[in-house]
Amino acid sequence: MDISTTISQYIVTKILRQPKKVLKPTDKLISSGLIDSFSLMDLSAFVEEKFGVRLDDTELNAETFDTVAQLANIVQSRQ
């Protein structure tokens, strides 16, 4: 399973609790209100643990972290 798929699966099953929901890599997460700040922290912790990368708190915003694709790019650049 690739990075984007792993992140998407985590979001729909653990955060949204809608395992049948299809989340596209370009769907807006923060700016659309799909996930809130608490969920964002959970997602950040998951990504750090699962992929062994460090995310700075200043990166947790809609500018750099608003889509699964953006997040996957950050993970790839740090592995």
PDB file of N, CA and C in Angstrom:
ATOM      1  N   MET A   1       0.844  -1.179   0.000  1.00  0.00           N
ATOM      2  CA  MET A   1       0.000   0.000   0.000  1.00  0.00           C
ATOM      3  C   MET A   1       0.896   1.252   0.000  1.00  0.00           C
ATOM      4  N   ASP A   2       0.588   2.210  -0.855  1.00  0.00           N
ATOM      5  CA  ASP A   2       1.421   3.396  -0.928  1.00  0.00           C
ATOM      6  C   ASP A   2       1.060   4.397   0.175  1.00  0.00           C
ATOM      7  N   ILE A   3       1.844   5.447   0.279  1.00  0.00           N
ATOM      8  CA  ILE A   3       1.691   6.434   1.347  1.00  0.00           C
ATOM      9  C   ILE A   3       0.312   7.082   1.316  1.00  0.00           C
ATOM     10  N   SER A   4      -0.124   7.550   0.153  1.00  0.00           N
ATOM     11  CA  SER A   4      -1.424   8.218   0.040  1.00  0.00           C
ATOM     12  C   SER A   4      -2.567   7.298   0.457  1.00  0.00           C
ATOM     13  N   THR A   5      -2.514   6.063   0.011  1.00  0.00           N
ATOM     14  CA  THR A   5      -3.569   5.106   0.347  1.00  0.00           C
ATOM     15  C   THR A   5      -3.591   4.821   1.843  1.00  0.00           C
ATOM     16  N   THR A   6      -2.425   4.651   2.431  1.00  0.00           N
ATOM     17  CA  THR A   6      -2.334   4.389   3.867  1.00  0.00           C
ATOM     18  C   THR A   6      -2.911   5.553   4.662  1.00  0.00           C
ATOM     19  N   ILE A   7      -2.564   6.769   4.282  1.00  0.00           N
ATOM     20  CA  ILE A   7      -3.073   7.955   4.972  1.00  0.00           C
ATOM     21  C   ILE A   7      -4.579   8.085   4.785  1.00  0.00           C
ATOM     22  N   SER A   8      -5.047   7.888   3.563  1.00  0.00           N
ATOM     23  CA  SER A   8      -6.488   7.975   3.284  1.00  0.00           C
ATOM     24  C   SER A   8      -7.270   6.955   4.098  1.00  0.00           C
ATOM     25  N   GLN A   9      -6.769   5.727   4.143  1.00  0.00           N
ATOM     26  CA  GLN A   9      -7.441   4.676   4.908  1.00  0.00           C
ATOM     27  C   GLN A   9      -7.513   5.032   6.393  1.00  0.00           C
ATOM     28  N   TYR A  10      -6.444   5.595   6.928  1.00  0.00           N
ATOM     29  CA  TYR A  10      -6.452   5.999   8.332  1.00  0.00           C
ATOM     30  C   TYR A  10      -7.513   7.078   8.567  1.00  0.00           C
ATOM     31  N   ILE A  11      -7.562   8.048   7.688  1.00  0.00           N
ATOM     32  CA  ILE A  11      -8.523   9.152   7.848  1.00  0.00           C
ATOM     33  C   ILE A  11      -9.958   8.644   7.818  1.00  0.00           C
ATOM     34  N   VAL A  12     -10.296   7.830   6.826  1.00  0.00           N
ATOM     35  CA  VAL A  12     -11.696   7.392   6.709  1.00  0.00           C
ATOM     36  C   VAL A  12     -12.102   6.389   7.789  1.00  0.00           C
ATOM     37  N   THR A  13     -11.170   5.564   8.256  1.00  0.00           N
ATOM     38  CA  THR A  13     -11.546   4.564   9.260  1.00  0.00           C
ATOM     39  C   THR A  13     -11.420   5.072  10.693  1.00  0.00           C
ATOM     40  N   LYS A  14     -10.348   5.771  11.002  1.00  0.00           N
ATOM     41  CA  LYS A  14     -10.089   6.170  12.388  1.00  0.00           C
ATOM     42  C   LYS A  14     -10.591   7.569  12.725  1.00  0.00           C
ATOM     43  N   ILE A  15     -10.504   8.498  11.793  1.00  0.00           N
ATOM     44  CA  ILE A  15     -10.902   9.877  12.093  1.00  0.00           C
ATOM     45  C   ILE A  15     -12.369  10.115  11.721  1.00  0.00           C
ATOM     46  N   LEU A  16     -12.728   9.798  10.493  1.00  0.00           N
ATOM     47  CA  LEU A  16     -14.097  10.040  10.040  1.00  0.00           C
ATOM     48  C   LEU A  16     -15.055   8.919  10.448  1.00  0.00           C
ATOM     49  N   ARG A  17     -14.504   7.742  10.702  1.00  0.00           N
ATOM     50  CA  ARG A  17     -15.290   6.551  11.048  1.00  0.00           C
ATOM     51  C   ARG A  17     -16.347   6.260   9.973  1.00  0.00           C
ATOM     52  N   GLN A  18     -15.898   6.416   8.728  1.00  0.00           N
ATOM     53  CA  GLN A  18     -16.732   6.117   7.569  1.00  0.00           C
ATOM     54  C   GLN A  18     -15.905   5.278   6.594  1.00  0.00           C
ATOM     55  N   PRO A  19     -15.660   4.001   6.931  1.00  0.00           N
ATOM     56  CA  PRO A  19     -14.738   3.186   6.148  1.00  0.00           C
ATOM     57  C   PRO A  19     -15.101   3.028   4.674  1.00  0.00           C
ATOM     58  N   LYS A  20     -16.341   3.263   4.310  1.00  0.00           N
ATOM     59  CA  LYS A  20     -16.732   3.132   2.907  1.00  0.00           C
ATOM     60  C   LYS A  20     -16.556   4.428   2.121  1.00  0.00           C
ATOM     61  N   LYS A  21     -16.232   5.504   2.819  1.00  0.00           N
ATOM     62  CA  LYS A  21     -16.028   6.792   2.153  1.00  0.00           C
ATOM     63  C   LYS A  21     -14.782   6.729   1.276  1.00  0.00           C
ATOM     64  N   VAL A  22     -14.876   7.306   0.098  1.00  0.00           N
ATOM     65  CA  VAL A  22     -13.732   7.387  -0.804  1.00  0.00           C
ATOM     66  C   VAL A  22     -13.131   8.781  -0.668  1.00  0.00           C
ATOM     67  N   LEU A  23     -11.875   8.834  -0.278  1.00  0.00           N
ATOM     68  CA  LEU A  23     -11.163  10.096  -0.095  1.00  0.00           C
ATOM     69  C   LEU A  23     -10.119  10.215  -1.195  1.00  0.00           C
ATOM     70  N   LYS A  24     -10.278  11.206  -2.042  1.00  0.00           N
ATOM     71  CA  LYS A  24      -9.330  11.419  -3.130  1.00  0.00           C
ATOM     72  C   LYS A  24      -8.093  12.139  -2.605  1.00  0.00           C
ATOM     73  N   PRO A  25      -6.931  11.935  -3.239  1.00  0.00           N
ATOM     74  CA  PRO A  25      -5.702  12.592  -2.796  1.00  0.00           C
ATOM     75  C   PRO A  25      -5.784  14.116  -2.802  1.00  0.00           C
ATOM     76  N   THR A  26      -6.690  14.670  -3.601  1.00  0.00           N
ATOM     77  CA  THR A  26      -6.793  16.129  -3.705  1.00  0.00           C
ATOM     78  C   THR A  26      -7.957  16.723  -2.908  1.00  0.00           C
ATOM     79  N   ASP A  27      -8.701  15.880  -2.198  1.00  0.00           N
ATOM     80  CA  ASP A  27      -9.795  16.398  -1.373  1.00  0.00           C
ATOM     81  C   ASP A  27      -9.231  17.255  -0.249  1.00  0.00           C
ATOM     82  N   LYS A  28      -9.846  18.392  -0.030  1.00  0.00           N
ATOM     83  CA  LYS A  28      -9.415  19.301   1.028  1.00  0.00           C
ATOM     84  C   LYS A  28      -9.802  18.721   2.388  1.00  0.00           C
ATOM     85  N   LEU A  29      -8.860  18.682   3.305  1.00  0.00           N
ATOM     86  CA  LEU A  29      -9.105  18.123   4.623  1.00  0.00           C
ATOM     87  C   LEU A  29      -9.432  19.209   5.648  1.00  0.00           C
ATOM     88  N   ILE A  30      -8.574  20.199   5.733  1.00  0.00           N
ATOM     89  CA  ILE A  30      -8.707  21.239   6.754  1.00  0.00           C
ATOM     90  C   ILE A  30      -9.625  22.359   6.277  1.00  0.00           C
ATOM     91  N   SER A  31      -9.327  22.920   5.118  1.00  0.00           N
ATOM     92  CA  SER A  31     -10.084  24.078   4.647  1.00  0.00           C
ATOM     93  C   SER A  31     -11.548  23.749   4.364  1.00  0.00           C
ATOM     94  N   SER A  32     -11.866  22.474   4.122  1.00  0.00           N
ATOM     95  CA  SER A  32     -13.260  22.083   3.888  1.00  0.00           C
ATOM     96  C   SER A  32     -13.978  21.750   5.194  1.00  0.00           C
ATOM     97  N   GLY A  33     -13.211  21.646   6.279  1.00  0.00           N
ATOM     98  CA  GLY A  33     -13.802  21.284   7.555  1.00  0.00           C
ATOM     99  C   GLY A  33     -13.967  19.783   7.746  1.00  0.00           C
ATOM    100  N   LEU A  34     -13.402  19.002   6.837  1.00  0.00           N
ATOM    101  CA  LEU A  34     -13.507  17.546   6.930  1.00  0.00           C
ATOM    102  C   LEU A  34     -12.857  17.028   8.218  1.00  0.00           C
ATOM    103  N   ILE A  35     -11.701  17.595   8.558  1.00  0.00           N
ATOM    104  CA  ILE A  35     -11.072  17.240   9.830  1.00  0.00           C
ATOM    105  C   ILE A  35     -10.824  18.512  10.631  1.00  0.00           C
ATOM    106  N   ASP A  36     -10.895  18.379  11.954  1.00  0.00           N
ATOM    107  CA  ASP A  36     -10.684  19.527  12.834  1.00  0.00           C
ATOM    108  C   ASP A  36      -9.281  19.474  13.434  1.00  0.00           C
ATOM    109  N   SER A  37      -8.978  20.423  14.298  1.00  0.00           N
ATOM    110  CA  SER A  37      -7.621  20.520  14.847  1.00  0.00           C
ATOM    111  C   SER A  37      -7.248  19.313  15.705  1.00  0.00           C
ATOM    112  N   PHE A  38      -8.205  18.740  16.407  1.00  0.00           N
ATOM    113  CA  PHE A  38      -7.909  17.546  17.208  1.00  0.00           C
ATOM    114  C   PHE A  38      -7.582  16.364  16.300  1.00  0.00           C
ATOM    115  N   SER A  39      -8.364  16.213  15.255  1.00  0.00           N
ATOM    116  CA  SER A  39      -8.117  15.138  14.287  1.00  0.00           C
ATOM    117  C   SER A  39      -6.793  15.345  13.573  1.00  0.00           C
ATOM    118  N   LEU A  40      -6.452  16.586  13.338  1.00  0.00           N
ATOM    119  CA  LEU A  40      -5.189  16.909  12.686  1.00  0.00           C
ATOM    120  C   LEU A  40      -4.009  16.449  13.537  1.00  0.00           C
ATOM    121  N   MET A  41      -4.107  16.618  14.829  1.00  0.00           N
ATOM    122  CA  MET A  41      -3.041  16.161  15.726  1.00  0.00           C
ATOM    123  C   MET A  41      -2.947  14.630  15.719  1.00  0.00           C
ATOM    124  N   ASP A  42      -4.099  13.963  15.700  1.00  0.00           N
ATOM    125  CA  ASP A  42      -4.113  12.497  15.613  1.00  0.00           C
ATOM    126  C   ASP A  42      -3.467  12.025  14.312  1.00  0.00           C
ATOM    127  N   LEU A  43      -3.813  12.690  13.223  1.00  0.00           N
ATOM    128  CA  LEU A  43      -3.253  12.342  11.920  1.00  0.00           C
ATOM    129  C   LEU A  43      -1.749  12.553  11.899  1.00  0.00           C
ATOM    130  N   SER A  44      -1.308  13.652  12.469  1.00  0.00           N
ATOM    131  CA  SER A  44       0.122  13.948  12.543  1.00  0.00           C
ATOM    132  C   SER A  44       0.865  12.862  13.324  1.00  0.00           C
ATOM    133  N   ALA A  45       0.316  12.471  14.467  1.00  0.00           N
ATOM    134  CA  ALA A  45       0.944  11.423  15.290  1.00  0.00           C
ATOM    135  C   ALA A  45       0.993  10.093  14.527  1.00  0.00           C
ATOM    136  N   PHE A  46      -0.077   9.763  13.822  1.00  0.00           N
ATOM    137  CA  PHE A  46      -0.108   8.541  13.022  1.00  0.00           C
ATOM    138  C   PHE A  46       0.986   8.558  11.958  1.00  0.00           C
ATOM    139  N   VAL A  47       1.077   9.659  11.229  1.00  0.00           N
ATOM    140  CA  VAL A  47       2.070   9.778  10.151  1.00  0.00           C
ATOM    141  C   VAL A  47       3.485   9.665  10.711  1.00  0.00           C
ATOM    142  N   GLU A  48       3.748  10.338  11.808  1.00  0.00           N
ATOM    143  CA  GLU A  48       5.083  10.271  12.405  1.00  0.00           C
ATOM    144  C   GLU A  48       5.434   8.851  12.825  1.00  0.00           C
ATOM    145  N   GLU A  49       4.483   8.169  13.447  1.00  0.00           N
ATOM    146  CA  GLU A  49       4.737   6.804  13.912  1.00  0.00           C
ATOM    147  C   GLU A  49       4.826   5.806  12.754  1.00  0.00           C
ATOM    148  N   LYS A  50       3.894   5.887  11.824  1.00  0.00           N
ATOM    149  CA  LYS A  50       3.814   4.922  10.727  1.00  0.00           C
ATOM    150  C   LYS A  50       4.984   5.038   9.756  1.00  0.00           C
ATOM    151  N   PHE A  51       5.377   6.272   9.441  1.00  0.00           N
ATOM    152  CA  PHE A  51       6.383   6.480   8.403  1.00  0.00           C
ATOM    153  C   PHE A  51       7.741   6.920   8.945  1.00  0.00           C
ATOM    154  N   GLY A  52       7.844   7.126  10.255  1.00  0.00           N
ATOM    155  CA  GLY A  52       9.123   7.481  10.856  1.00  0.00           C
ATOM    156  C   GLY A  52       9.642   8.839  10.446  1.00  0.00           C
ATOM    157  N   VAL A  53       8.736   9.784  10.251  1.00  0.00           N
ATOM    158  CA  VAL A  53       9.138  11.144   9.892  1.00  0.00           C
ATOM    159  C   VAL A  53       8.686  12.110  10.978  1.00  0.00           C
ATOM    160  N   ARG A  54       9.311  13.258  11.029  1.00  0.00           N
ATOM    161  CA  ARG A  54       8.952  14.288  12.006  1.00  0.00           C
ATOM    162  C   ARG A  54       8.237  15.414  11.289  1.00  0.00           C
ATOM    163  N   LEU A  55       7.059  15.769  11.806  1.00  0.00           N
ATOM    164  CA  LEU A  55       6.300  16.895  11.271  1.00  0.00           C
ATOM    165  C   LEU A  55       6.351  18.027  12.279  1.00  0.00           C
ATOM    166  N   ASP A  56       6.722  19.190  11.832  1.00  0.00           N
ATOM    167  CA  ASP A  56       6.776  20.350  12.699  1.00  0.00           C
ATOM    168  C   ASP A  56       5.369  20.893  12.916  1.00  0.00           C
ATOM    169  N   ASP A  57       5.089  21.364  14.124  1.00  0.00           N
ATOM    170  CA  ASP A  57       3.757  21.905  14.425  1.00  0.00           C
ATOM    171  C   ASP A  57       3.370  23.043  13.489  1.00  0.00           C
ATOM    172  N   THR A  58       4.341  23.792  13.001  1.00  0.00           N
ATOM    173  CA  THR A  58       4.043  24.917  12.109  1.00  0.00           C
ATOM    174  C   THR A  58       3.570  24.444  10.737  1.00  0.00           C
ATOM    175  N   GLU A  59       3.788  23.171  10.429  1.00  0.00           N
ATOM    176  CA  GLU A  59       3.344  22.618   9.145  1.00  0.00           C
ATOM    177  C   GLU A  59       1.891  22.160   9.177  1.00  0.00           C
ATOM    178  N   LEU A  60       1.329  22.062  10.342  1.00  0.00           N
ATOM    179  CA  LEU A  60      -0.027  21.535  10.480  1.00  0.00           C
ATOM    180  C   LEU A  60      -1.058  22.628  10.208  1.00  0.00           C
ATOM    181  N   ASN A  61      -1.164  22.987   8.946  1.00  0.00           N
ATOM    182  CA  ASN A  61      -2.116  24.025   8.547  1.00  0.00           C
ATOM    183  C   ASN A  61      -2.610  23.739   7.133  1.00  0.00           C
ATOM    184  N   ALA A  62      -3.616  24.480   6.721  1.00  0.00           N
ATOM    185  CA  ALA A  62      -4.229  24.248   5.415  1.00  0.00           C
ATOM    186  C   ALA A  62      -3.310  24.590   4.251  1.00  0.00           C
ATOM    187  N   GLU A  63      -2.287  25.355   4.502  1.00  0.00           N
ATOM    188  CA  GLU A  63      -1.372  25.746   3.420  1.00  0.00           C
ATOM    189  C   GLU A  63      -0.463  24.594   2.991  1.00  0.00           C
ATOM    190  N   THR A  64       0.008  23.810   3.953  1.00  0.00           N
ATOM    191  CA  THR A  64       0.969  22.749   3.637  1.00  0.00           C
ATOM    192  C   THR A  64       0.430  21.337   3.857  1.00  0.00           C
ATOM    193  N   PHE A  65      -0.726  21.207   4.463  1.00  0.00           N
ATOM    194  CA  PHE A  65      -1.186  19.915   4.973  1.00  0.00           C
ATOM    195  C   PHE A  65      -2.656  19.691   4.640  1.00  0.00           C
ATOM    196  N   ASP A  66      -3.178  20.339   3.596  1.00  0.00           N
ATOM    197  CA  ASP A  66      -4.625  20.334   3.372  1.00  0.00           C
ATOM    198  C   ASP A  66      -5.137  19.149   2.570  1.00  0.00           C
ATOM    199  N   THR A  67      -4.270  18.426   1.889  1.00  0.00           N
ATOM    200  CA  THR A  67      -4.719  17.258   1.124  1.00  0.00           C
ATOM    201  C   THR A  67      -3.828  16.060   1.447  1.00  0.00           C
ATOM    202  N   VAL A  68      -4.341  14.898   1.155  1.00  0.00           N
ATOM    203  CA  VAL A  68      -3.556  13.675   1.338  1.00  0.00           C
ATOM    204  C   VAL A  68      -2.322  13.725   0.444  1.00  0.00           C
ATOM    205  N   ALA A  69      -2.473  14.250  -0.754  1.00  0.00           N
ATOM    206  CA  ALA A  69      -1.335  14.352  -1.685  1.00  0.00           C
ATOM    207  C   ALA A  69      -0.234  15.232  -1.100  1.00  0.00           C
ATOM    208  N   GLN A  70      -0.590  16.367  -0.502  1.00  0.00           N
ATOM    209  CA  GLN A  70       0.415  17.239   0.113  1.00  0.00           C
ATOM    210  C   GLN A  70       1.120  16.516   1.253  1.00  0.00           C
ATOM    211  N   LEU A  71       0.362  15.851   2.067  1.00  0.00           N
ATOM    212  CA  LEU A  71       0.940  15.125   3.197  1.00  0.00           C
ATOM    213  C   LEU A  71       1.848  14.002   2.723  1.00  0.00           C
ATOM    214  N   ALA A  72       1.421  13.273   1.705  1.00  0.00           N
ATOM    215  CA  ALA A  72       2.253  12.190   1.168  1.00  0.00           C
ATOM    216  C   ALA A  72       3.555  12.729   0.601  1.00  0.00           C
ATOM    217  N   ASN A  73       3.511  13.895  -0.023  1.00  0.00           N
ATOM    218  CA  ASN A  73       4.734  14.522  -0.546  1.00  0.00           C
ATOM    219  C   ASN A  73       5.691  14.896   0.571  1.00  0.00           C
ATOM    220  N   ILE A  74       5.166  15.403   1.665  1.00  0.00           N
ATOM    221  CA  ILE A  74       6.003  15.733   2.821  1.00  0.00           C
ATOM    222  C   ILE A  74       6.666  14.458   3.355  1.00  0.00           C
ATOM    223  N   VAL A  75       5.894  13.406   3.491  1.00  0.00           N
ATOM    224  CA  VAL A  75       6.436  12.136   3.997  1.00  0.00           C
ATOM    225  C   VAL A  75       7.529  11.622   3.069  1.00  0.00           C
ATOM    226  N   GLN A  76       7.268  11.599   1.763  1.00  0.00           N
ATOM    227  CA  GLN A  76       8.262  11.105   0.800  1.00  0.00           C
ATOM    228  C   GLN A  76       9.547  11.921   0.850  1.00  0.00           C
ATOM    229  N   SER A  77       9.424  13.221   0.999  1.00  0.00           N
ATOM    230  CA  SER A  77      10.616  14.065   1.006  1.00  0.00           C
ATOM    231  C   SER A  77      11.477  13.871   2.245  1.00  0.00           C
ATOM    232  N   ARG A  78      10.900  13.265   3.296  1.00  0.00           N
ATOM    233  CA  ARG A  78      11.642  13.101   4.554  1.00  0.00           C
ATOM    234  C   ARG A  78      12.075  11.667   4.816  1.00  0.00           C
ATOM    235  N   GLN A  79      11.702  10.763   3.941  1.00  0.00           N
ATOM    236  CA  GLN A  79      12.106   9.372   4.180  1.00  0.00           C
ATOM    237  C   GLN A  79      13.469   9.097   3.616  1.00  0.00           C
TER     238      GLN A  79
END
